[in-house]
N, C-alpha and C. Protein backbone atom coordinates (compact mmCIF):
# COMPACT_ATOMS: atom_id res chain seq x y z
N MET A 1 24.48 12.19 -72.48
CA MET A 1 24.62 10.98 -71.71
C MET A 1 23.25 10.60 -71.16
N ALA A 2 22.91 9.36 -71.29
CA ALA A 2 21.62 8.87 -70.81
C ALA A 2 21.61 8.80 -69.28
N ALA A 3 20.42 8.98 -68.73
CA ALA A 3 20.28 8.91 -67.27
C ALA A 3 20.50 7.48 -66.80
N LYS A 4 21.02 7.37 -65.59
CA LYS A 4 21.24 6.04 -65.00
C LYS A 4 19.90 5.41 -64.68
N LYS A 5 19.78 4.15 -65.00
CA LYS A 5 18.55 3.41 -64.69
C LYS A 5 18.64 2.85 -63.28
N GLN A 6 17.48 2.72 -62.64
CA GLN A 6 17.45 2.08 -61.33
C GLN A 6 17.70 0.59 -61.54
N THR A 7 18.55 0.02 -60.70
CA THR A 7 18.90 -1.39 -60.86
C THR A 7 18.43 -2.25 -59.70
N CYS A 8 18.26 -1.67 -58.52
CA CYS A 8 17.86 -2.43 -57.33
C CYS A 8 16.47 -2.02 -56.89
N TYR A 9 15.67 -3.01 -56.62
CA TYR A 9 14.31 -2.79 -56.14
C TYR A 9 14.20 -3.49 -54.79
N PRO A 10 14.23 -2.72 -53.67
CA PRO A 10 14.29 -3.33 -52.35
C PRO A 10 13.06 -4.13 -51.97
N HIS A 11 11.91 -3.80 -52.51
CA HIS A 11 10.68 -4.52 -52.17
C HIS A 11 10.20 -5.24 -53.43
N GLY A 12 10.84 -6.34 -53.75
CA GLY A 12 10.54 -7.07 -54.97
C GLY A 12 9.77 -8.34 -54.72
N ILE A 13 9.49 -9.02 -55.80
CA ILE A 13 8.80 -10.31 -55.75
C ILE A 13 9.53 -11.28 -56.65
N GLU A 14 9.21 -12.54 -56.51
CA GLU A 14 9.82 -13.57 -57.35
C GLU A 14 9.29 -13.43 -58.77
N ASN A 15 10.13 -13.73 -59.75
CA ASN A 15 9.79 -13.67 -61.18
C ASN A 15 9.32 -12.28 -61.59
N SER A 16 9.99 -11.26 -61.11
CA SER A 16 9.64 -9.89 -61.42
C SER A 16 10.29 -9.46 -62.73
N ILE A 17 9.64 -8.53 -63.42
CA ILE A 17 10.14 -7.99 -64.68
C ILE A 17 10.60 -6.55 -64.42
N CYS A 18 11.73 -6.18 -64.99
CA CYS A 18 12.28 -4.84 -64.81
C CYS A 18 11.38 -3.81 -65.50
N PRO A 19 10.97 -2.76 -64.79
CA PRO A 19 10.14 -1.74 -65.43
C PRO A 19 10.91 -0.90 -66.45
N ALA A 20 12.23 -0.85 -66.36
CA ALA A 20 13.01 -0.03 -67.28
C ALA A 20 13.30 -0.74 -68.60
N CYS A 21 13.65 -2.04 -68.53
CA CYS A 21 14.06 -2.74 -69.76
C CYS A 21 13.15 -3.91 -70.12
N GLY A 22 12.30 -4.35 -69.21
CA GLY A 22 11.37 -5.44 -69.50
C GLY A 22 11.96 -6.83 -69.43
N ARG A 23 13.12 -6.97 -68.86
CA ARG A 23 13.76 -8.29 -68.75
C ARG A 23 13.56 -8.85 -67.35
N PRO A 24 13.69 -10.18 -67.20
CA PRO A 24 13.47 -10.77 -65.88
C PRO A 24 14.60 -10.39 -64.91
N MET A 25 14.20 -10.24 -63.65
CA MET A 25 15.16 -9.88 -62.60
C MET A 25 15.23 -11.01 -61.58
N PRO A 26 16.44 -11.43 -61.20
CA PRO A 26 16.54 -12.45 -60.14
C PRO A 26 16.17 -11.84 -58.79
N LYS A 27 15.65 -12.69 -57.91
CA LYS A 27 15.30 -12.21 -56.57
C LYS A 27 16.50 -12.36 -55.65
N VAL A 28 16.57 -11.47 -54.68
CA VAL A 28 17.66 -11.45 -53.71
C VAL A 28 17.04 -11.45 -52.32
N ASP A 29 17.40 -12.44 -51.52
CA ASP A 29 16.94 -12.48 -50.13
C ASP A 29 17.96 -11.72 -49.29
N TYR A 30 17.46 -10.80 -48.48
CA TYR A 30 18.35 -10.02 -47.62
C TYR A 30 17.60 -9.59 -46.37
N TYR A 31 18.35 -9.08 -45.43
CA TYR A 31 17.78 -8.56 -44.19
C TYR A 31 18.20 -7.09 -44.06
N THR A 32 17.33 -6.30 -43.47
CA THR A 32 17.72 -4.94 -43.11
C THR A 32 17.79 -4.86 -41.59
N ALA A 33 18.69 -4.05 -41.11
CA ALA A 33 18.86 -3.87 -39.67
C ALA A 33 19.36 -2.46 -39.42
N ARG A 34 19.13 -2.01 -38.22
CA ARG A 34 19.63 -0.71 -37.80
C ARG A 34 20.66 -0.92 -36.69
N PRO A 35 21.87 -0.38 -36.85
CA PRO A 35 22.88 -0.54 -35.80
C PRO A 35 22.47 0.21 -34.53
N LEU A 36 22.53 -0.48 -33.41
CA LEU A 36 22.14 0.10 -32.13
C LEU A 36 23.36 0.63 -31.38
N ARG A 37 24.39 -0.21 -31.24
CA ARG A 37 25.63 0.22 -30.59
C ARG A 37 26.80 -0.61 -31.10
N GLN A 38 27.98 -0.08 -30.86
CA GLN A 38 29.21 -0.73 -31.31
C GLN A 38 30.21 -0.66 -30.17
N GLU A 39 30.84 -1.79 -29.87
CA GLU A 39 31.83 -1.82 -28.78
C GLU A 39 33.01 -2.70 -29.18
N GLU A 40 34.18 -2.31 -28.67
CA GLU A 40 35.39 -3.07 -28.94
C GLU A 40 35.53 -4.15 -27.88
N ILE A 41 35.62 -5.41 -28.32
CA ILE A 41 35.68 -6.54 -27.40
C ILE A 41 37.12 -6.84 -27.01
N SER A 42 37.98 -7.04 -27.98
CA SER A 42 39.38 -7.35 -27.70
C SER A 42 40.26 -6.71 -28.76
N ARG A 43 41.52 -6.58 -28.40
CA ARG A 43 42.45 -5.93 -29.31
C ARG A 43 43.81 -6.57 -29.15
N SER A 44 44.47 -6.82 -30.27
CA SER A 44 45.85 -7.28 -30.25
C SER A 44 46.68 -6.26 -31.02
N TYR A 45 47.94 -6.55 -31.24
CA TYR A 45 48.80 -5.57 -31.88
C TYR A 45 48.44 -5.34 -33.35
N ASP A 46 47.78 -6.29 -33.99
CA ASP A 46 47.47 -6.13 -35.41
C ASP A 46 45.99 -6.23 -35.75
N SER A 47 45.14 -6.47 -34.79
CA SER A 47 43.71 -6.56 -35.09
C SER A 47 42.89 -6.25 -33.84
N ARG A 48 41.62 -6.02 -34.07
CA ARG A 48 40.71 -5.81 -32.96
C ARG A 48 39.35 -6.41 -33.31
N THR A 49 38.63 -6.81 -32.30
CA THR A 49 37.31 -7.41 -32.47
C THR A 49 36.27 -6.39 -32.03
N ILE A 50 35.32 -6.13 -32.91
CA ILE A 50 34.27 -5.16 -32.62
C ILE A 50 32.93 -5.88 -32.65
N ARG A 51 32.13 -5.65 -31.64
CA ARG A 51 30.79 -6.24 -31.58
C ARG A 51 29.78 -5.13 -31.91
N ILE A 52 28.95 -5.39 -32.91
CA ILE A 52 27.90 -4.45 -33.30
C ILE A 52 26.57 -5.08 -32.95
N THR A 53 25.74 -4.34 -32.24
CA THR A 53 24.41 -4.82 -31.88
C THR A 53 23.41 -4.16 -32.81
N PHE A 54 22.58 -4.98 -33.46
CA PHE A 54 21.58 -4.48 -34.40
C PHE A 54 20.19 -4.59 -33.80
N THR A 55 19.30 -3.74 -34.26
CA THR A 55 17.90 -3.81 -33.89
C THR A 55 17.06 -3.76 -35.17
N ASP A 56 15.80 -4.12 -35.08
CA ASP A 56 14.88 -4.13 -36.22
C ASP A 56 15.42 -4.98 -37.37
N VAL A 57 15.80 -6.19 -37.10
CA VAL A 57 16.30 -7.10 -38.14
C VAL A 57 15.09 -7.73 -38.81
N ASN A 58 14.88 -7.41 -40.09
CA ASN A 58 13.70 -7.87 -40.81
C ASN A 58 14.10 -8.50 -42.14
N PRO A 59 13.49 -9.63 -42.50
CA PRO A 59 13.78 -10.25 -43.80
C PRO A 59 13.05 -9.51 -44.93
N HIS A 60 13.70 -9.47 -46.07
CA HIS A 60 13.12 -8.84 -47.26
C HIS A 60 13.48 -9.65 -48.49
N THR A 61 12.73 -9.43 -49.53
CA THR A 61 13.05 -9.97 -50.85
C THR A 61 13.15 -8.79 -51.80
N GLY A 62 14.25 -8.68 -52.48
CA GLY A 62 14.45 -7.61 -53.44
C GLY A 62 14.75 -8.18 -54.81
N ASN A 63 14.86 -7.30 -55.77
CA ASN A 63 15.20 -7.70 -57.13
C ASN A 63 16.34 -6.83 -57.63
N ILE A 64 17.13 -7.40 -58.50
CA ILE A 64 18.24 -6.67 -59.11
C ILE A 64 18.19 -6.92 -60.62
N CYS A 65 18.25 -5.85 -61.39
CA CYS A 65 18.26 -5.99 -62.85
C CYS A 65 19.72 -5.93 -63.31
N LEU A 66 20.26 -7.06 -63.66
CA LEU A 66 21.65 -7.12 -64.09
C LEU A 66 21.85 -6.50 -65.47
N PHE A 67 20.79 -6.49 -66.28
CA PHE A 67 20.88 -5.88 -67.61
C PHE A 67 21.04 -4.36 -67.48
N CYS A 68 20.22 -3.73 -66.64
CA CYS A 68 20.33 -2.28 -66.42
C CYS A 68 21.65 -1.94 -65.73
N ALA A 69 22.08 -2.78 -64.79
CA ALA A 69 23.35 -2.54 -64.11
C ALA A 69 24.51 -2.61 -65.10
N ARG A 70 24.44 -3.55 -66.02
CA ARG A 70 25.48 -3.66 -67.04
C ARG A 70 25.46 -2.45 -67.97
N ASP A 71 24.25 -1.99 -68.33
CA ASP A 71 24.15 -0.80 -69.18
C ASP A 71 24.69 0.44 -68.45
N ASN A 72 24.40 0.56 -67.16
CA ASN A 72 24.89 1.71 -66.39
C ASN A 72 26.41 1.72 -66.30
N ALA A 73 27.02 0.55 -66.29
CA ALA A 73 28.48 0.45 -66.14
C ALA A 73 29.21 0.45 -67.48
N ARG A 74 28.49 0.60 -68.57
CA ARG A 74 29.11 0.52 -69.89
C ARG A 74 30.22 1.55 -70.08
N GLY A 75 30.00 2.79 -69.67
CA GLY A 75 31.01 3.83 -69.85
C GLY A 75 32.29 3.54 -69.07
N ARG A 76 32.14 3.13 -67.81
CA ARG A 76 33.32 2.80 -67.01
C ARG A 76 34.03 1.57 -67.56
N ARG A 77 33.25 0.58 -68.03
CA ARG A 77 33.85 -0.63 -68.57
C ARG A 77 34.65 -0.30 -69.83
N THR A 78 34.11 0.54 -70.70
CA THR A 78 34.81 0.94 -71.91
C THR A 78 36.05 1.75 -71.58
N ALA A 79 35.93 2.66 -70.61
CA ALA A 79 37.09 3.46 -70.21
C ALA A 79 38.19 2.57 -69.64
N GLY A 80 37.81 1.59 -68.82
CA GLY A 80 38.79 0.67 -68.27
C GLY A 80 39.50 -0.13 -69.35
N LEU A 81 38.72 -0.57 -70.35
CA LEU A 81 39.31 -1.32 -71.46
C LEU A 81 40.27 -0.45 -72.26
N LEU A 82 39.89 0.81 -72.50
CA LEU A 82 40.76 1.71 -73.26
C LEU A 82 42.04 2.04 -72.48
N VAL A 83 41.92 2.28 -71.17
CA VAL A 83 43.11 2.57 -70.36
C VAL A 83 44.02 1.35 -70.32
N MET A 84 43.42 0.16 -70.21
CA MET A 84 44.22 -1.06 -70.18
C MET A 84 44.96 -1.26 -71.52
N ALA A 85 44.24 -1.12 -72.62
CA ALA A 85 44.87 -1.32 -73.93
C ALA A 85 45.90 -0.23 -74.22
N GLY A 86 45.54 1.02 -73.91
CA GLY A 86 46.48 2.13 -74.14
C GLY A 86 47.73 2.00 -73.29
N GLY A 87 47.56 1.63 -72.03
CA GLY A 87 48.73 1.43 -71.17
C GLY A 87 49.62 0.30 -71.66
N GLY A 88 49.01 -0.77 -72.15
CA GLY A 88 49.79 -1.89 -72.68
C GLY A 88 50.57 -1.50 -73.92
N VAL A 89 49.91 -0.82 -74.84
CA VAL A 89 50.57 -0.41 -76.09
C VAL A 89 51.68 0.60 -75.80
N LEU A 90 51.38 1.58 -74.95
CA LEU A 90 52.40 2.59 -74.66
C LEU A 90 53.57 2.03 -73.86
N SER A 91 53.33 1.05 -73.00
CA SER A 91 54.45 0.44 -72.28
C SER A 91 55.34 -0.36 -73.23
N MET A 92 54.73 -1.04 -74.18
CA MET A 92 55.53 -1.76 -75.19
C MET A 92 56.33 -0.78 -76.04
N THR A 93 55.71 0.34 -76.41
CA THR A 93 56.40 1.36 -77.19
C THR A 93 57.58 1.95 -76.39
N ALA A 94 57.36 2.21 -75.11
CA ALA A 94 58.45 2.74 -74.28
C ALA A 94 59.57 1.72 -74.13
N MET A 95 59.22 0.44 -74.05
CA MET A 95 60.24 -0.60 -73.93
C MET A 95 61.08 -0.67 -75.22
N ILE A 96 60.42 -0.61 -76.36
CA ILE A 96 61.14 -0.64 -77.64
C ILE A 96 62.01 0.60 -77.78
N TRP A 97 61.47 1.76 -77.37
CA TRP A 97 62.25 3.00 -77.40
C TRP A 97 63.49 2.87 -76.52
N GLY A 98 63.36 2.24 -75.35
CA GLY A 98 64.51 2.05 -74.46
C GLY A 98 65.57 1.15 -75.07
N VAL A 99 65.14 0.08 -75.73
CA VAL A 99 66.10 -0.83 -76.37
C VAL A 99 66.83 -0.12 -77.51
N VAL A 100 66.09 0.63 -78.33
CA VAL A 100 66.71 1.36 -79.44
C VAL A 100 67.67 2.43 -78.89
N ALA A 101 67.24 3.16 -77.86
CA ALA A 101 68.11 4.20 -77.28
C ALA A 101 69.37 3.59 -76.67
N ALA A 102 69.24 2.42 -76.05
CA ALA A 102 70.41 1.76 -75.47
C ALA A 102 71.38 1.32 -76.55
N ASN A 103 70.86 0.78 -77.65
CA ASN A 103 71.74 0.37 -78.76
C ASN A 103 72.45 1.56 -79.38
N LEU A 104 71.71 2.66 -79.56
CA LEU A 104 72.34 3.85 -80.14
C LEU A 104 73.40 4.43 -79.19
N ALA A 105 73.11 4.41 -77.89
CA ALA A 105 74.08 4.92 -76.91
C ALA A 105 75.32 4.04 -76.85
N GLU A 106 75.11 2.72 -76.99
CA GLU A 106 76.26 1.81 -76.96
C GLU A 106 77.15 2.02 -78.17
N ARG A 107 76.53 2.21 -79.34
CA ARG A 107 77.32 2.45 -80.55
C ARG A 107 78.10 3.75 -80.47
N ALA A 108 77.48 4.76 -79.86
CA ALA A 108 78.14 6.06 -79.77
C ALA A 108 79.14 6.12 -78.61
N GLY A 109 79.20 5.04 -77.82
CA GLY A 109 80.13 5.01 -76.70
C GLY A 109 79.62 5.76 -75.48
N GLY A 110 78.30 6.00 -75.42
CA GLY A 110 77.72 6.74 -74.29
C GLY A 110 77.27 5.80 -73.18
N ASP A 111 76.56 6.36 -72.25
CA ASP A 111 76.07 5.63 -71.08
C ASP A 111 74.75 4.94 -71.42
N VAL A 112 74.76 3.61 -71.43
CA VAL A 112 73.56 2.84 -71.78
C VAL A 112 72.49 3.01 -70.71
N GLY A 113 72.88 3.02 -69.45
CA GLY A 113 71.91 3.16 -68.36
C GLY A 113 71.17 4.48 -68.40
N ALA A 114 71.90 5.56 -68.71
CA ALA A 114 71.26 6.87 -68.79
C ALA A 114 70.30 6.94 -69.97
N ALA A 115 70.63 6.25 -71.05
CA ALA A 115 69.76 6.26 -72.23
C ALA A 115 68.46 5.51 -71.97
N MET A 116 68.51 4.51 -71.08
CA MET A 116 67.31 3.71 -70.82
C MET A 116 66.49 4.23 -69.65
N GLY A 117 66.94 5.25 -68.94
CA GLY A 117 66.26 5.73 -67.74
C GLY A 117 64.83 6.20 -67.99
N LEU A 118 64.66 7.18 -68.86
CA LEU A 118 63.33 7.72 -69.12
C LEU A 118 62.40 6.70 -69.77
N PRO A 119 62.84 5.96 -70.79
CA PRO A 119 61.91 4.98 -71.38
C PRO A 119 61.46 3.90 -70.39
N MET A 120 62.36 3.46 -69.52
CA MET A 120 61.96 2.42 -68.56
C MET A 120 61.02 2.99 -67.49
N ALA A 121 61.24 4.26 -67.09
CA ALA A 121 60.32 4.89 -66.14
C ALA A 121 58.93 5.03 -66.76
N LEU A 122 58.90 5.45 -68.03
CA LEU A 122 57.61 5.55 -68.73
C LEU A 122 56.96 4.18 -68.88
N MET A 123 57.75 3.16 -69.15
CA MET A 123 57.20 1.82 -69.28
C MET A 123 56.54 1.39 -67.97
N CYS A 124 57.19 1.66 -66.85
CA CYS A 124 56.61 1.30 -65.55
C CYS A 124 55.31 2.06 -65.29
N ILE A 125 55.28 3.34 -65.62
CA ILE A 125 54.07 4.15 -65.43
C ILE A 125 52.93 3.61 -66.29
N PHE A 126 53.23 3.26 -67.54
CA PHE A 126 52.18 2.75 -68.43
C PHE A 126 51.72 1.35 -68.02
N ILE A 127 52.60 0.55 -67.46
CA ILE A 127 52.18 -0.76 -66.95
C ILE A 127 51.23 -0.58 -65.77
N ILE A 128 51.53 0.38 -64.90
CA ILE A 128 50.62 0.66 -63.78
C ILE A 128 49.27 1.14 -64.30
N ALA A 129 49.29 1.99 -65.34
CA ALA A 129 48.03 2.45 -65.94
C ALA A 129 47.25 1.28 -66.53
N ALA A 130 47.94 0.34 -67.16
CA ALA A 130 47.26 -0.84 -67.71
C ALA A 130 46.64 -1.68 -66.60
N ILE A 131 47.33 -1.81 -65.48
CA ILE A 131 46.79 -2.58 -64.35
C ILE A 131 45.56 -1.89 -63.76
N VAL A 132 45.60 -0.57 -63.66
CA VAL A 132 44.43 0.18 -63.17
C VAL A 132 43.26 -0.01 -64.13
N GLY A 133 43.51 0.07 -65.43
CA GLY A 133 42.46 -0.16 -66.42
C GLY A 133 41.89 -1.55 -66.33
N LEU A 134 42.74 -2.54 -66.10
CA LEU A 134 42.28 -3.91 -65.93
C LEU A 134 41.39 -4.05 -64.70
N ALA A 135 41.78 -3.40 -63.60
CA ALA A 135 40.98 -3.46 -62.38
C ALA A 135 39.60 -2.84 -62.59
N ILE A 136 39.54 -1.71 -63.27
CA ILE A 136 38.25 -1.07 -63.56
C ILE A 136 37.41 -1.96 -64.46
N PHE A 137 38.02 -2.53 -65.49
CA PHE A 137 37.29 -3.38 -66.42
C PHE A 137 36.74 -4.62 -65.73
N VAL A 138 37.55 -5.27 -64.91
CA VAL A 138 37.10 -6.49 -64.23
C VAL A 138 35.98 -6.17 -63.24
N GLU A 139 36.11 -5.07 -62.51
CA GLU A 139 35.09 -4.70 -61.52
C GLU A 139 33.74 -4.43 -62.19
N THR A 140 33.74 -3.72 -63.30
CA THR A 140 32.47 -3.41 -63.97
C THR A 140 31.97 -4.58 -64.79
N ASN A 141 32.81 -5.53 -65.08
CA ASN A 141 32.39 -6.68 -65.88
C ASN A 141 31.79 -7.79 -65.00
N ARG A 142 31.76 -7.59 -63.66
CA ARG A 142 31.17 -8.59 -62.77
C ARG A 142 29.68 -8.76 -63.00
N MET A 143 29.01 -7.71 -63.46
CA MET A 143 27.56 -7.75 -63.61
C MET A 143 27.19 -8.30 -64.97
N ASN A 144 27.33 -9.59 -65.12
CA ASN A 144 27.02 -10.25 -66.38
C ASN A 144 25.65 -10.92 -66.25
N PRO A 145 24.65 -10.45 -66.98
CA PRO A 145 23.30 -11.01 -66.83
C PRO A 145 23.19 -12.46 -67.28
N TRP A 146 24.12 -12.96 -68.05
CA TRP A 146 24.02 -14.33 -68.56
C TRP A 146 24.72 -15.34 -67.67
N ARG A 147 25.40 -14.87 -66.64
CA ARG A 147 26.08 -15.76 -65.71
C ARG A 147 25.10 -16.23 -64.64
N LYS A 148 25.30 -17.43 -64.17
CA LYS A 148 24.47 -17.97 -63.09
C LYS A 148 25.10 -17.56 -61.76
N TYR A 149 24.32 -16.95 -60.90
CA TYR A 149 24.79 -16.50 -59.60
C TYR A 149 24.07 -17.26 -58.50
N ASN A 150 24.77 -17.55 -57.40
CA ASN A 150 24.07 -18.08 -56.23
C ASN A 150 23.58 -16.89 -55.40
N GLN A 151 22.85 -17.16 -54.33
CA GLN A 151 22.25 -16.08 -53.54
C GLN A 151 23.30 -15.18 -52.89
N GLU A 152 24.42 -15.75 -52.45
CA GLU A 152 25.46 -14.93 -51.82
C GLU A 152 26.10 -13.97 -52.83
N GLN A 153 26.32 -14.45 -54.05
CA GLN A 153 26.89 -13.58 -55.08
C GLN A 153 25.91 -12.48 -55.47
N LEU A 154 24.63 -12.84 -55.61
CA LEU A 154 23.62 -11.84 -55.93
C LEU A 154 23.51 -10.81 -54.81
N PHE A 155 23.60 -11.28 -53.56
CA PHE A 155 23.52 -10.35 -52.44
C PHE A 155 24.69 -9.36 -52.49
N GLY A 156 25.90 -9.82 -52.81
CA GLY A 156 27.05 -8.92 -52.91
C GLY A 156 26.84 -7.84 -53.96
N LEU A 157 26.33 -8.23 -55.13
CA LEU A 157 26.05 -7.24 -56.17
C LEU A 157 24.94 -6.29 -55.73
N PHE A 158 23.89 -6.86 -55.13
CA PHE A 158 22.74 -6.07 -54.67
C PHE A 158 23.20 -5.05 -53.64
N GLN A 159 24.02 -5.47 -52.69
CA GLN A 159 24.49 -4.58 -51.63
C GLN A 159 25.34 -3.45 -52.21
N THR A 160 26.20 -3.77 -53.15
CA THR A 160 27.04 -2.74 -53.77
C THR A 160 26.19 -1.72 -54.51
N LEU A 161 25.22 -2.20 -55.30
CA LEU A 161 24.42 -1.29 -56.11
C LEU A 161 23.42 -0.49 -55.27
N ILE A 162 22.85 -1.11 -54.25
CA ILE A 162 21.85 -0.38 -53.45
C ILE A 162 22.51 0.71 -52.62
N LYS A 163 23.77 0.53 -52.25
CA LYS A 163 24.50 1.60 -51.55
C LYS A 163 24.71 2.79 -52.48
N LYS A 164 25.03 2.51 -53.75
CA LYS A 164 25.24 3.59 -54.72
C LYS A 164 23.94 4.34 -54.98
N GLU A 165 22.82 3.62 -55.02
CA GLU A 165 21.54 4.25 -55.32
C GLU A 165 20.94 4.93 -54.09
N GLY A 166 21.36 4.54 -52.90
CA GLY A 166 20.85 5.13 -51.68
C GLY A 166 19.39 4.82 -51.40
N SER A 167 18.95 3.61 -51.74
CA SER A 167 17.54 3.24 -51.60
C SER A 167 17.16 2.85 -50.18
N LEU A 168 18.12 2.56 -49.32
CA LEU A 168 17.82 2.15 -47.94
C LEU A 168 18.53 3.08 -46.96
N PRO A 169 18.03 4.31 -46.77
CA PRO A 169 18.73 5.24 -45.87
C PRO A 169 18.63 4.80 -44.42
N GLY A 170 19.75 4.82 -43.73
CA GLY A 170 19.79 4.50 -42.31
C GLY A 170 19.77 3.03 -41.97
N ALA A 171 19.61 2.17 -42.96
CA ALA A 171 19.56 0.73 -42.71
C ALA A 171 20.82 0.07 -43.26
N VAL A 172 21.14 -1.07 -42.69
CA VAL A 172 22.28 -1.86 -43.13
C VAL A 172 21.73 -3.13 -43.76
N CYS A 173 22.27 -3.50 -44.92
CA CYS A 173 21.86 -4.75 -45.57
C CYS A 173 22.71 -5.89 -45.02
N LEU A 174 22.06 -6.97 -44.66
CA LEU A 174 22.75 -8.16 -44.17
C LEU A 174 22.30 -9.35 -44.98
N SER A 175 23.23 -10.25 -45.26
CA SER A 175 22.88 -11.47 -46.00
C SER A 175 22.25 -12.47 -45.04
N PRO A 176 21.48 -13.43 -45.58
CA PRO A 176 20.92 -14.47 -44.72
C PRO A 176 21.99 -15.24 -43.95
N GLY A 177 23.15 -15.45 -44.55
CA GLY A 177 24.25 -16.13 -43.87
C GLY A 177 24.77 -15.34 -42.68
N GLN A 178 24.87 -14.02 -42.83
CA GLN A 178 25.33 -13.18 -41.73
C GLN A 178 24.33 -13.21 -40.57
N VAL A 179 23.04 -13.15 -40.89
CA VAL A 179 22.02 -13.17 -39.83
C VAL A 179 22.02 -14.51 -39.12
N LYS A 180 22.18 -15.59 -39.88
CA LYS A 180 22.23 -16.93 -39.27
C LYS A 180 23.42 -17.03 -38.32
N GLN A 181 24.57 -16.51 -38.75
CA GLN A 181 25.77 -16.55 -37.92
C GLN A 181 25.59 -15.69 -36.66
N MET A 182 24.93 -14.54 -36.79
CA MET A 182 24.71 -13.68 -35.62
C MET A 182 23.75 -14.32 -34.63
N LYS A 183 22.77 -15.05 -35.12
CA LYS A 183 21.82 -15.71 -34.23
C LYS A 183 22.49 -16.83 -33.44
N GLN A 184 23.51 -17.48 -34.03
CA GLN A 184 24.21 -18.57 -33.36
C GLN A 184 25.13 -18.06 -32.26
N SER A 185 25.67 -16.87 -32.42
CA SER A 185 26.63 -16.37 -31.42
C SER A 185 25.98 -15.46 -30.40
C-alpha cells in the first residue's frame, strides 16, 4: 500500500503547485485561534448555548491538493462502492429467495410467513449494508478536483483533512464567516 500523501498545506500561497503531484492547488482562507475558556450561557430542556472565548485569532492562507486527497481516499471509495453493490445484489437475491420459499411453502401447505422470515431478515441486513456503502462512497467522493468550490466549501474540506493530518496542534481552524460573525456579537 502506498503511503498517504500530504493534502493540506497550512502556510500556502496563491497559485501554488502541489509538491507531491505537481498539480495546481486552490487557496483556502482560514483563521487559527486558541480556545481560552468555555462557559454555558443558557440551557433549555433540549438545547444549551455555550460561549467559547478564543485568543490569538490570526488570518492564514493555506492550500489543499484535491488530487492527492482523492488519491488518498481511493481505497475507501472503492470499498464503499463494493459494499454498496454487494449489499444491493445480496438483498435482491434474498428477496427472490423469500418469494421462491413462500411459493414452495404455499404449495406444500406450510406456513408462508415462517418461510419468508430468514430471507426477509437477510434482505434488511443487506439493504443496511448497501446504505452504509453508499454513505462511505458519497463521503469520499466529495473531494472532486474538477468541481468548482466556493471558499466555504473549500474550508470545510480543508478543515476535515487538516484534522486528520494533525498539522495544526492545539489550534482551532475557523472560517472567515465564523470570525466575522464572532466579531459582530
